[in-house]
């Protein structure tokens, strides 16, 4: 009983939660801080291209949020620090049900309005994506921010947001969401 939009939204959330998902923390590989005894000292160190210093999910007023109203606009932003000269920047954000299950993804490889370039070591900049009229089913999800290869299929240097939830709404099925990219390299 109650408002029909809320009842429908709660029912969709119930149905979505019947699937068995693990949390992002359970899906991520365990980090071992101790050196394994069988590792040799001469192993080659792999240099990472960049480090994601921060990832935030905000409303259009710039306030960080954890609950999203249906069809509202979201601002996804990550601060990137370049650690390796000549890094080629292909950035992306994704809405994730778990660490292994994407709901929607947004890549600069698909954004014609963004001029991609190579970055020099020491550069720090923000990558911002405005997703307009977010249309998703009720339930919990995460935002993943990261650097991708040129194809957009391999993501590395990633960072997850805290858990977010979509507030109750009348059923909204799969849709394409309009998004606007912005790279601000003047930090």
N, C-alpha and C. Protein backbone atom coordinates (compact mmCIF):
# COMPACT_ATOMS: atom_id res chain seq x y z
N UNK A 1 0.85 -1.17 0.00
CA UNK A 1 0.00 0.00 0.00
C UNK A 1 0.89 1.24 0.00
N UNK A 2 0.40 2.29 -0.60
CA UNK A 2 1.14 3.53 -0.61
C UNK A 2 1.21 4.12 -2.00
N UNK A 3 2.11 5.08 -2.16
CA UNK A 3 2.32 5.74 -3.44
C UNK A 3 2.73 4.71 -4.50
N UNK A 4 2.05 4.72 -5.64
CA UNK A 4 2.29 3.68 -6.65
C UNK A 4 3.73 3.70 -7.16
N UNK A 5 4.33 4.89 -7.30
CA UNK A 5 5.71 4.97 -7.77
C UNK A 5 6.64 4.27 -6.80
N UNK A 6 6.42 4.50 -5.50
CA UNK A 6 7.28 3.89 -4.49
C UNK A 6 7.05 2.38 -4.44
N UNK A 7 5.81 1.95 -4.55
CA UNK A 7 5.50 0.51 -4.51
C UNK A 7 6.18 -0.20 -5.69
N UNK A 8 6.06 0.37 -6.90
CA UNK A 8 6.69 -0.23 -8.08
C UNK A 8 8.20 -0.24 -7.92
N UNK A 9 8.78 0.87 -7.44
CA UNK A 9 10.22 0.94 -7.23
C UNK A 9 10.71 -0.07 -6.22
N UNK A 10 9.97 -0.20 -5.11
CA UNK A 10 10.35 -1.18 -4.08
C UNK A 10 10.26 -2.60 -4.62
N UNK A 11 9.25 -2.88 -5.44
CA UNK A 11 9.12 -4.22 -6.03
C UNK A 11 10.29 -4.51 -6.97
N UNK A 12 10.67 -3.52 -7.80
CA UNK A 12 11.82 -3.72 -8.69
C UNK A 12 13.09 -3.96 -7.88
N UNK A 13 13.26 -3.21 -6.79
CA UNK A 13 14.42 -3.40 -5.93
C UNK A 13 14.42 -4.82 -5.35
N UNK A 14 13.26 -5.29 -4.90
CA UNK A 14 13.14 -6.65 -4.38
C UNK A 14 13.55 -7.67 -5.44
N UNK A 15 13.05 -7.49 -6.67
CA UNK A 15 13.38 -8.43 -7.75
C UNK A 15 14.86 -8.38 -8.09
N UNK A 16 15.44 -7.18 -8.13
CA UNK A 16 16.87 -7.05 -8.44
C UNK A 16 17.72 -7.69 -7.36
N UNK A 17 17.29 -7.62 -6.10
CA UNK A 17 18.07 -8.16 -5.00
C UNK A 17 17.97 -9.68 -4.90
N UNK A 18 17.07 -10.29 -5.66
CA UNK A 18 16.98 -11.75 -5.66
C UNK A 18 18.19 -12.36 -6.37
N UNK A 19 18.84 -11.56 -7.23
CA UNK A 19 20.07 -12.04 -7.86
C UNK A 19 21.15 -12.05 -6.79
N UNK A 20 22.13 -12.88 -6.95
CA UNK A 20 23.20 -13.00 -5.97
C UNK A 20 24.40 -12.19 -6.43
N UNK A 21 24.62 -11.05 -5.81
CA UNK A 21 25.77 -10.22 -6.13
C UNK A 21 26.69 -10.19 -4.92
N UNK A 22 27.95 -10.08 -5.19
CA UNK A 22 28.89 -9.87 -4.10
C UNK A 22 29.21 -8.39 -4.04
N UNK A 23 29.74 -7.95 -2.94
CA UNK A 23 30.09 -6.54 -2.84
C UNK A 23 31.40 -6.28 -3.57
N UNK A 24 31.67 -5.03 -3.85
CA UNK A 24 32.91 -4.66 -4.52
C UNK A 24 34.10 -5.12 -3.69
N UNK A 25 34.02 -4.97 -2.38
CA UNK A 25 35.13 -5.36 -1.51
C UNK A 25 35.40 -6.86 -1.62
N UNK A 26 34.35 -7.68 -1.74
CA UNK A 26 34.54 -9.12 -1.88
C UNK A 26 35.09 -9.49 -3.25
N UNK A 27 34.81 -8.68 -4.27
CA UNK A 27 35.25 -9.00 -5.62
C UNK A 27 36.69 -8.59 -5.89
N UNK A 28 37.19 -7.60 -5.14
CA UNK A 28 38.55 -7.13 -5.38
C UNK A 28 39.56 -8.14 -4.86
N UNK A 29 40.70 -8.30 -5.54
CA UNK A 29 41.69 -9.25 -5.06
C UNK A 29 42.29 -8.79 -3.75
N UNK A 30 42.65 -9.74 -2.91
CA UNK A 30 43.25 -9.41 -1.61
C UNK A 30 44.62 -8.80 -1.84
N UNK A 31 44.95 -7.78 -1.05
CA UNK A 31 46.24 -7.11 -1.15
C UNK A 31 47.17 -7.75 -0.13
N UNK A 32 48.29 -8.25 -0.60
CA UNK A 32 49.27 -8.87 0.29
C UNK A 32 50.37 -7.86 0.58
N UNK A 33 50.54 -7.50 1.85
CA UNK A 33 51.56 -6.53 2.22
C UNK A 33 52.89 -7.18 2.52
N UNK A 34 52.86 -8.47 2.86
CA UNK A 34 54.11 -9.16 3.16
C UNK A 34 54.68 -9.73 1.87
N UNK A 35 56.01 -9.69 1.77
CA UNK A 35 56.67 -10.27 0.60
C UNK A 35 56.62 -11.78 0.71
N UNK A 36 56.24 -12.44 -0.35
CA UNK A 36 56.18 -13.89 -0.36
C UNK A 36 57.60 -14.44 -0.34
N UNK A 37 57.87 -15.49 0.43
CA UNK A 37 59.22 -16.00 0.57
C UNK A 37 59.81 -16.54 -0.73
N UNK A 38 58.97 -17.00 -1.67
CA UNK A 38 59.51 -17.58 -2.89
C UNK A 38 59.74 -16.54 -3.99
N UNK A 39 59.47 -15.25 -3.71
CA UNK A 39 59.69 -14.21 -4.71
C UNK A 39 61.18 -13.90 -4.79
N UNK A 40 61.67 -13.73 -5.99
CA UNK A 40 63.07 -13.38 -6.13
C UNK A 40 63.23 -11.88 -6.04
N UNK A 41 64.40 -11.44 -5.61
CA UNK A 41 64.67 -10.01 -5.43
C UNK A 41 64.79 -9.33 -6.78
N UNK A 42 65.14 -10.05 -7.82
CA UNK A 42 65.40 -9.45 -9.13
C UNK A 42 64.17 -9.30 -10.00
N UNK A 43 62.96 -9.41 -9.47
CA UNK A 43 61.77 -9.25 -10.31
C UNK A 43 61.66 -7.81 -10.77
N UNK A 44 61.24 -7.64 -12.02
CA UNK A 44 61.13 -6.32 -12.62
C UNK A 44 59.92 -5.58 -12.06
N UNK A 45 60.11 -4.33 -11.67
CA UNK A 45 59.02 -3.52 -11.14
C UNK A 45 58.21 -2.94 -12.29
N UNK A 46 56.90 -3.04 -12.20
CA UNK A 46 56.01 -2.51 -13.23
C UNK A 46 55.62 -1.08 -12.84
N UNK A 47 55.84 -0.15 -13.77
CA UNK A 47 55.49 1.24 -13.51
C UNK A 47 54.05 1.49 -13.93
N UNK A 48 53.27 2.10 -13.06
CA UNK A 48 51.91 2.45 -13.43
C UNK A 48 51.91 3.80 -14.12
N UNK A 49 50.97 3.98 -15.04
CA UNK A 49 50.90 5.21 -15.82
C UNK A 49 50.40 6.39 -15.00
N UNK A 50 49.43 6.13 -14.14
CA UNK A 50 48.85 7.22 -13.37
C UNK A 50 48.29 6.70 -12.06
N UNK A 51 47.90 7.63 -11.23
CA UNK A 51 47.26 7.29 -9.96
C UNK A 51 45.98 8.12 -9.87
N UNK A 52 44.90 7.48 -9.48
CA UNK A 52 43.65 8.21 -9.28
C UNK A 52 43.62 8.63 -7.82
N UNK A 53 43.80 9.93 -7.60
CA UNK A 53 43.86 10.45 -6.23
C UNK A 53 42.50 10.48 -5.56
N UNK A 54 41.46 10.77 -6.33
CA UNK A 54 40.12 10.85 -5.73
C UNK A 54 39.06 10.55 -6.79
N UNK A 55 37.92 10.10 -6.31
CA UNK A 55 36.76 9.85 -7.16
C UNK A 55 35.54 10.33 -6.39
N UNK A 56 34.75 11.20 -7.00
CA UNK A 56 33.57 11.70 -6.31
C UNK A 56 32.34 11.62 -7.21
N UNK A 57 31.20 11.46 -6.55
CA UNK A 57 29.89 11.44 -7.22
C UNK A 57 29.10 12.58 -6.59
N UNK A 58 28.74 13.57 -7.40
CA UNK A 58 28.10 14.78 -6.87
C UNK A 58 26.82 15.10 -7.64
N UNK A 59 26.00 15.95 -7.01
CA UNK A 59 24.86 16.51 -7.73
C UNK A 59 25.37 17.72 -8.51
N UNK A 60 24.50 18.39 -9.24
CA UNK A 60 24.94 19.51 -10.07
C UNK A 60 25.35 20.73 -9.26
N UNK A 61 25.05 20.74 -7.96
CA UNK A 61 25.49 21.84 -7.08
C UNK A 61 26.87 21.55 -6.50
N UNK A 62 27.46 20.40 -6.82
CA UNK A 62 28.79 20.06 -6.34
C UNK A 62 28.82 19.34 -5.00
N UNK A 63 27.66 18.96 -4.47
CA UNK A 63 27.60 18.26 -3.19
C UNK A 63 27.74 16.76 -3.43
N UNK A 64 28.64 16.10 -2.66
CA UNK A 64 28.79 14.65 -2.78
C UNK A 64 27.52 13.98 -2.29
N UNK A 65 27.09 12.95 -3.00
CA UNK A 65 25.83 12.27 -2.67
C UNK A 65 26.04 10.76 -2.62
N UNK A 66 25.13 10.09 -1.92
CA UNK A 66 25.13 8.62 -1.88
C UNK A 66 23.79 8.06 -2.35
N UNK A 67 22.77 8.91 -2.45
CA UNK A 67 21.45 8.50 -2.94
C UNK A 67 21.09 9.37 -4.14
N UNK A 68 20.57 8.75 -5.17
CA UNK A 68 20.29 9.45 -6.42
C UNK A 68 18.80 9.41 -6.70
N UNK A 69 18.25 10.58 -7.00
CA UNK A 69 16.84 10.66 -7.36
C UNK A 69 16.67 10.28 -8.83
N UNK A 70 15.55 9.67 -9.17
CA UNK A 70 15.30 9.26 -10.55
C UNK A 70 15.39 10.44 -11.51
N UNK A 71 16.04 10.22 -12.64
CA UNK A 71 16.16 11.18 -13.73
C UNK A 71 16.86 12.48 -13.32
N UNK A 72 17.69 12.42 -12.28
CA UNK A 72 18.49 13.59 -11.90
C UNK A 72 19.83 13.54 -12.63
N UNK A 73 20.54 14.65 -12.64
CA UNK A 73 21.85 14.72 -13.27
C UNK A 73 22.93 14.40 -12.25
N UNK A 74 23.98 13.71 -12.68
CA UNK A 74 25.10 13.36 -11.81
C UNK A 74 26.39 13.93 -12.38
N UNK A 75 27.29 14.34 -11.50
CA UNK A 75 28.62 14.78 -11.89
C UNK A 75 29.61 13.77 -11.31
N UNK A 76 30.31 13.06 -12.19
CA UNK A 76 31.33 12.10 -11.79
C UNK A 76 32.68 12.75 -12.04
N UNK A 77 33.55 12.72 -11.04
CA UNK A 77 34.83 13.43 -11.18
C UNK A 77 35.94 12.63 -10.52
N UNK A 78 37.08 12.54 -11.23
CA UNK A 78 38.25 11.91 -10.62
C UNK A 78 39.47 12.79 -10.87
N UNK A 79 40.32 12.87 -9.85
CA UNK A 79 41.58 13.59 -9.98
C UNK A 79 42.64 12.57 -10.35
N UNK A 80 43.36 12.85 -11.43
CA UNK A 80 44.36 11.92 -11.96
C UNK A 80 45.74 12.56 -11.85
N UNK A 81 46.69 11.79 -11.34
CA UNK A 81 48.09 12.22 -11.27
C UNK A 81 48.90 11.33 -12.20
N UNK A 82 49.62 11.95 -13.14
CA UNK A 82 50.40 11.20 -14.12
C UNK A 82 51.74 10.82 -13.50
N UNK A 83 52.07 9.53 -13.55
CA UNK A 83 53.30 9.02 -12.95
C UNK A 83 54.33 8.58 -13.98
N UNK A 84 53.94 8.52 -15.24
CA UNK A 84 54.81 8.01 -16.28
C UNK A 84 54.73 8.94 -17.49
N UNK A 85 55.87 9.38 -18.01
CA UNK A 85 55.87 10.26 -19.18
C UNK A 85 55.19 9.60 -20.37
N UNK A 86 54.58 10.44 -21.19
CA UNK A 86 53.97 10.02 -22.44
C UNK A 86 52.76 9.10 -22.24
N UNK A 87 52.05 9.30 -21.13
CA UNK A 87 50.85 8.50 -20.86
C UNK A 87 49.74 8.91 -21.83
N UNK A 88 49.13 7.93 -22.45
CA UNK A 88 48.01 8.19 -23.35
C UNK A 88 46.72 8.07 -22.55
N UNK A 89 45.96 9.15 -22.49
CA UNK A 89 44.77 9.17 -21.64
C UNK A 89 43.50 8.77 -22.34
N UNK A 90 42.96 7.64 -21.95
CA UNK A 90 41.62 7.20 -22.36
C UNK A 90 40.89 6.90 -21.05
N UNK A 91 40.00 7.79 -20.67
CA UNK A 91 39.39 7.71 -19.35
C UNK A 91 37.98 7.15 -19.44
N UNK A 92 37.51 6.63 -18.33
CA UNK A 92 36.17 6.09 -18.32
C UNK A 92 35.55 6.07 -16.94
N UNK A 93 34.24 6.03 -16.93
CA UNK A 93 33.45 5.83 -15.72
C UNK A 93 32.45 4.73 -16.04
N UNK A 94 32.06 3.98 -15.02
CA UNK A 94 31.05 2.94 -15.21
C UNK A 94 30.20 2.85 -13.96
N UNK A 95 28.93 2.55 -14.16
CA UNK A 95 28.04 2.20 -13.05
C UNK A 95 28.14 0.68 -12.93
N UNK A 96 28.47 0.19 -11.74
CA UNK A 96 28.73 -1.23 -11.53
C UNK A 96 27.82 -1.80 -10.46
N UNK A 97 27.19 -2.94 -10.74
CA UNK A 97 26.40 -3.65 -9.73
C UNK A 97 27.35 -4.35 -8.77
N UNK A 98 28.48 -4.85 -9.27
CA UNK A 98 29.54 -5.46 -8.47
C UNK A 98 30.85 -5.17 -9.21
N UNK A 99 31.96 -5.65 -8.69
CA UNK A 99 33.24 -5.40 -9.34
C UNK A 99 33.32 -6.06 -10.72
N UNK A 100 32.43 -6.99 -11.00
CA UNK A 100 32.49 -7.72 -12.27
C UNK A 100 31.28 -7.48 -13.17
N UNK A 101 30.28 -6.71 -12.72
CA UNK A 101 29.06 -6.57 -13.51
C UNK A 101 28.72 -5.11 -13.78
N UNK A 102 29.08 -4.62 -14.99
CA UNK A 102 28.75 -3.24 -15.33
C UNK A 102 27.27 -3.08 -15.68
N UNK A 103 26.73 -1.92 -15.31
CA UNK A 103 25.36 -1.57 -15.68
C UNK A 103 25.40 -0.63 -16.88
N UNK A 104 26.30 0.36 -16.83
CA UNK A 104 26.47 1.32 -17.92
C UNK A 104 27.91 1.81 -17.88
N UNK A 105 28.46 2.14 -19.04
CA UNK A 105 29.83 2.67 -19.07
C UNK A 105 29.92 3.86 -20.01
N UNK A 106 30.87 4.72 -19.69
CA UNK A 106 31.09 5.95 -20.45
C UNK A 106 32.60 6.06 -20.67
N UNK A 107 33.04 6.14 -21.92
CA UNK A 107 34.46 6.17 -22.23
C UNK A 107 34.80 7.37 -23.11
N UNK A 108 35.97 7.97 -22.87
CA UNK A 108 36.39 9.07 -23.73
C UNK A 108 36.75 8.57 -25.12
N UNK A 109 36.99 7.27 -25.27
CA UNK A 109 37.27 6.74 -26.61
C UNK A 109 36.07 6.92 -27.53
N UNK A 110 34.88 7.05 -26.95
CA UNK A 110 33.65 7.25 -27.73
C UNK A 110 33.22 8.71 -27.80
N UNK A 111 33.96 9.61 -27.16
CA UNK A 111 33.55 11.01 -27.07
C UNK A 111 34.27 11.85 -28.12
N UNK A 112 33.54 12.25 -29.14
CA UNK A 112 34.13 13.02 -30.23
C UNK A 112 34.51 14.43 -29.81
N UNK A 113 33.84 14.97 -28.78
CA UNK A 113 34.09 16.35 -28.36
C UNK A 113 35.33 16.50 -27.48
N UNK A 114 35.96 15.39 -27.10
CA UNK A 114 37.15 15.42 -26.24
C UNK A 114 38.40 15.22 -27.09
N UNK A 115 39.36 16.13 -26.92
CA UNK A 115 40.64 15.99 -27.60
C UNK A 115 41.58 15.21 -26.68
N UNK A 116 41.84 13.97 -27.03
CA UNK A 116 42.72 13.13 -26.22
C UNK A 116 44.16 13.42 -26.61
N UNK A 117 45.05 13.34 -25.63
CA UNK A 117 46.46 13.64 -25.88
C UNK A 117 47.32 12.79 -24.97
N UNK A 118 48.62 12.98 -25.07
CA UNK A 118 49.57 12.31 -24.18
C UNK A 118 49.92 13.27 -23.05
N UNK A 119 50.14 12.71 -21.87
CA UNK A 119 50.39 13.51 -20.68
C UNK A 119 51.80 13.28 -20.18
N UNK A 120 52.35 14.30 -19.52
CA UNK A 120 53.71 14.24 -18.99
C UNK A 120 53.68 13.92 -17.50
N UNK A 121 54.73 13.28 -17.04
CA UNK A 121 54.86 12.93 -15.62
C UNK A 121 54.72 14.19 -14.77
N UNK A 122 53.97 14.08 -13.69
CA UNK A 122 53.77 15.20 -12.77
C UNK A 122 52.50 15.99 -13.01
N UNK A 123 51.88 15.83 -14.17
CA UNK A 123 50.63 16.55 -14.43
C UNK A 123 49.53 16.00 -13.51
N UNK A 124 48.73 16.91 -12.98
CA UNK A 124 47.58 16.54 -12.16
C UNK A 124 46.37 17.26 -12.77
N UNK A 125 45.31 16.53 -13.02
CA UNK A 125 44.14 17.14 -13.65
C UNK A 125 42.89 16.39 -13.23
N UNK A 126 41.75 16.99 -13.51
CA UNK A 126 40.46 16.39 -13.18
C UNK A 126 39.75 15.97 -14.46
N UNK A 127 39.17 14.79 -14.40
CA UNK A 127 38.33 14.28 -15.48
C UNK A 127 36.91 14.31 -14.93
N UNK A 128 36.04 15.00 -15.64
CA UNK A 128 34.67 15.19 -15.16
C UNK A 128 33.68 14.73 -16.22
N UNK A 129 32.67 14.03 -15.78
CA UNK A 129 31.60 13.58 -16.68
C UNK A 129 30.27 13.94 -16.05
N UNK A 130 29.44 14.64 -16.81
CA UNK A 130 28.08 14.94 -16.36
C UNK A 130 27.15 13.96 -17.07
N UNK A 131 26.46 13.16 -16.28
CA UNK A 131 25.50 12.20 -16.83
C UNK A 131 24.11 12.80 -16.59
N UNK A 132 23.41 13.06 -17.67
CA UNK A 132 22.11 13.73 -17.57
C UNK A 132 20.98 12.71 -17.45
N UNK A 133 20.04 13.04 -16.59
CA UNK A 133 18.81 12.25 -16.43
C UNK A 133 19.09 10.76 -16.23
N UNK A 134 19.80 10.47 -15.15
CA UNK A 134 20.18 9.08 -14.84
C UNK A 134 18.92 8.23 -14.72
N UNK A 135 18.86 7.20 -15.54
CA UNK A 135 17.68 6.33 -15.59
C UNK A 135 18.12 4.91 -15.27
N UNK A 136 17.99 4.55 -14.01
CA UNK A 136 18.36 3.19 -13.59
C UNK A 136 17.31 2.65 -12.64
N UNK A 137 17.32 1.35 -12.51
CA UNK A 137 16.39 0.71 -11.58
C UNK A 137 16.83 0.96 -10.15
N UNK A 138 15.87 0.84 -9.23
CA UNK A 138 16.13 1.01 -7.81
C UNK A 138 17.13 -0.04 -7.36
N UNK A 139 18.03 0.36 -6.48
CA UNK A 139 19.00 -0.59 -5.93
C UNK A 139 20.35 0.05 -5.71
N UNK A 140 21.29 -0.76 -5.23
CA UNK A 140 22.63 -0.28 -4.92
C UNK A 140 23.56 -0.52 -6.11
N UNK A 141 24.55 0.37 -6.22
CA UNK A 141 25.57 0.22 -7.25
C UNK A 141 26.78 1.05 -6.84
N UNK A 142 27.84 0.96 -7.62
CA UNK A 142 29.07 1.71 -7.40
C UNK A 142 29.41 2.45 -8.68
N UNK A 143 30.25 3.48 -8.55
CA UNK A 143 30.82 4.12 -9.73
C UNK A 143 32.28 3.71 -9.78
N UNK A 144 32.72 3.31 -10.96
CA UNK A 144 34.11 2.96 -11.19
C UNK A 144 34.70 4.04 -12.08
N UNK A 145 35.84 4.58 -11.70
CA UNK A 145 36.56 5.53 -12.53
C UNK A 145 37.89 4.92 -12.88
N UNK A 146 38.39 5.20 -14.09
CA UNK A 146 39.68 4.62 -14.42
C UNK A 146 40.23 5.04 -15.76
N UNK A 147 41.39 4.49 -16.03
CA UNK A 147 42.11 4.68 -17.28
C UNK A 147 41.92 3.41 -18.10
N UNK A 148 41.63 3.56 -19.38
CA UNK A 148 41.39 2.40 -20.24
C UNK A 148 42.39 2.40 -21.39
N UNK A 149 42.54 1.25 -22.02
CA UNK A 149 43.36 1.19 -23.22
C UNK A 149 42.58 1.83 -24.38
N UNK A 150 43.22 1.92 -25.53
CA UNK A 150 42.62 2.61 -26.68
C UNK A 150 41.29 1.99 -27.10
N UNK A 151 41.14 0.68 -26.93
CA UNK A 151 39.90 0.01 -27.34
C UNK A 151 38.77 0.25 -26.34
N UNK A 152 39.13 0.59 -25.10
CA UNK A 152 38.14 0.77 -24.05
C UNK A 152 37.75 -0.54 -23.38
N UNK A 153 38.34 -1.65 -23.81
CA UNK A 153 37.99 -2.95 -23.24
C UNK A 153 38.79 -3.28 -21.99
N UNK A 154 40.05 -2.85 -21.93
CA UNK A 154 40.91 -3.15 -20.78
C UNK A 154 41.01 -1.90 -19.91
N UNK A 155 40.52 -2.00 -18.70
CA UNK A 155 40.60 -0.88 -17.75
C UNK A 155 41.69 -1.18 -16.74
N UNK A 156 42.47 -0.18 -16.42
CA UNK A 156 43.48 -0.33 -15.38
C UNK A 156 43.57 0.99 -14.63
N UNK A 157 44.29 1.01 -13.53
CA UNK A 157 44.34 2.19 -12.65
C UNK A 157 42.92 2.62 -12.32
N UNK A 158 42.17 1.76 -11.67
CA UNK A 158 40.77 2.03 -11.37
C UNK A 158 40.55 2.38 -9.91
N UNK A 159 39.43 3.03 -9.65
CA UNK A 159 39.04 3.36 -8.28
C UNK A 159 37.52 3.27 -8.20
N UNK A 160 37.02 2.66 -7.11
CA UNK A 160 35.58 2.54 -6.88
C UNK A 160 35.10 3.62 -5.92
N UNK A 161 33.87 4.07 -6.12
CA UNK A 161 33.23 4.99 -5.18
C UNK A 161 32.70 4.19 -4.00
N UNK A 162 32.19 4.91 -3.03
CA UNK A 162 31.42 4.26 -1.96
C UNK A 162 30.13 3.75 -2.59
N UNK A 163 29.42 2.89 -1.88
CA UNK A 163 28.17 2.35 -2.40
C UNK A 163 27.13 3.46 -2.54
N UNK A 164 26.44 3.47 -3.67
CA UNK A 164 25.39 4.45 -3.96
C UNK A 164 24.07 3.70 -4.07
N UNK A 165 22.96 4.44 -3.93
CA UNK A 165 21.67 3.79 -4.15
C UNK A 165 20.78 4.69 -4.99
N UNK A 166 19.98 4.04 -5.80
CA UNK A 166 18.99 4.73 -6.63
C UNK A 166 17.70 4.75 -5.84
N UNK A 167 17.15 5.94 -5.62
CA UNK A 167 15.91 6.07 -4.86
C UNK A 167 14.74 5.45 -5.62
N UNK A 168 13.68 5.12 -4.88
CA UNK A 168 12.50 4.49 -5.47
C UNK A 168 11.89 5.37 -6.55
N UNK A 169 11.46 4.73 -7.62
CA UNK A 169 10.84 5.43 -8.73
C UNK A 169 9.96 4.46 -9.50
N UNK A 170 9.09 5.00 -10.33
CA UNK A 170 8.29 4.14 -11.19
C UNK A 170 9.25 3.52 -12.20
N UNK A 171 8.99 2.32 -12.63
CA UNK A 171 9.91 1.54 -13.47
C UNK A 171 10.56 2.31 -14.59
N UNK A 172 11.87 2.23 -14.65
CA UNK A 172 12.65 2.82 -15.73
C UNK A 172 13.53 1.70 -16.27
N UNK A 173 13.33 1.33 -17.52
CA UNK A 173 14.10 0.24 -18.11
C UNK A 173 15.43 0.71 -18.67
N UNK A 174 16.13 -0.15 -19.40
CA UNK A 174 17.42 0.21 -19.97
C UNK A 174 17.26 1.36 -20.96
N UNK A 175 18.14 2.34 -20.87
CA UNK A 175 18.10 3.51 -21.75
C UNK A 175 19.52 3.98 -22.01
N UNK A 176 19.68 4.75 -23.05
CA UNK A 176 20.94 5.43 -23.28
C UNK A 176 20.88 6.75 -22.54
N UNK A 177 21.92 7.05 -21.76
CA UNK A 177 21.94 8.30 -20.99
C UNK A 177 22.88 9.29 -21.67
N UNK A 178 22.41 10.49 -21.87
CA UNK A 178 23.22 11.53 -22.46
C UNK A 178 24.28 11.96 -21.46
N UNK A 179 25.51 12.18 -21.91
CA UNK A 179 26.61 12.54 -21.02
C UNK A 179 27.51 13.56 -21.69
N UNK A 180 28.16 14.41 -20.89
CA UNK A 180 29.05 15.44 -21.40
C UNK A 180 30.40 15.32 -20.71
N UNK A 181 31.47 15.23 -21.49
CA UNK A 181 32.83 15.10 -20.95
C UNK A 181 33.51 16.46 -20.82
N UNK A 182 34.46 16.55 -19.87
CA UNK A 182 35.27 17.75 -19.69
C UNK A 182 36.59 17.34 -19.06
N UNK A 183 37.72 17.71 -19.68
CA UNK A 183 39.04 17.48 -19.09
C UNK A 183 39.61 18.84 -18.70
N UNK A 184 39.83 19.06 -17.41
CA UNK A 184 40.35 20.32 -16.92
C UNK A 184 41.80 20.10 -16.50
N UNK A 185 42.75 20.49 -17.35
CA UNK A 185 44.16 20.21 -17.09
C UNK A 185 44.87 21.36 -16.40
N UNK A 186 44.15 22.35 -15.93
CA UNK A 186 44.77 23.51 -15.28
C UNK A 186 44.64 23.43 -13.77
N UNK A 187 45.28 22.48 -13.16
CA UNK A 187 45.26 22.40 -11.69
C UNK A 187 46.57 22.89 -11.16
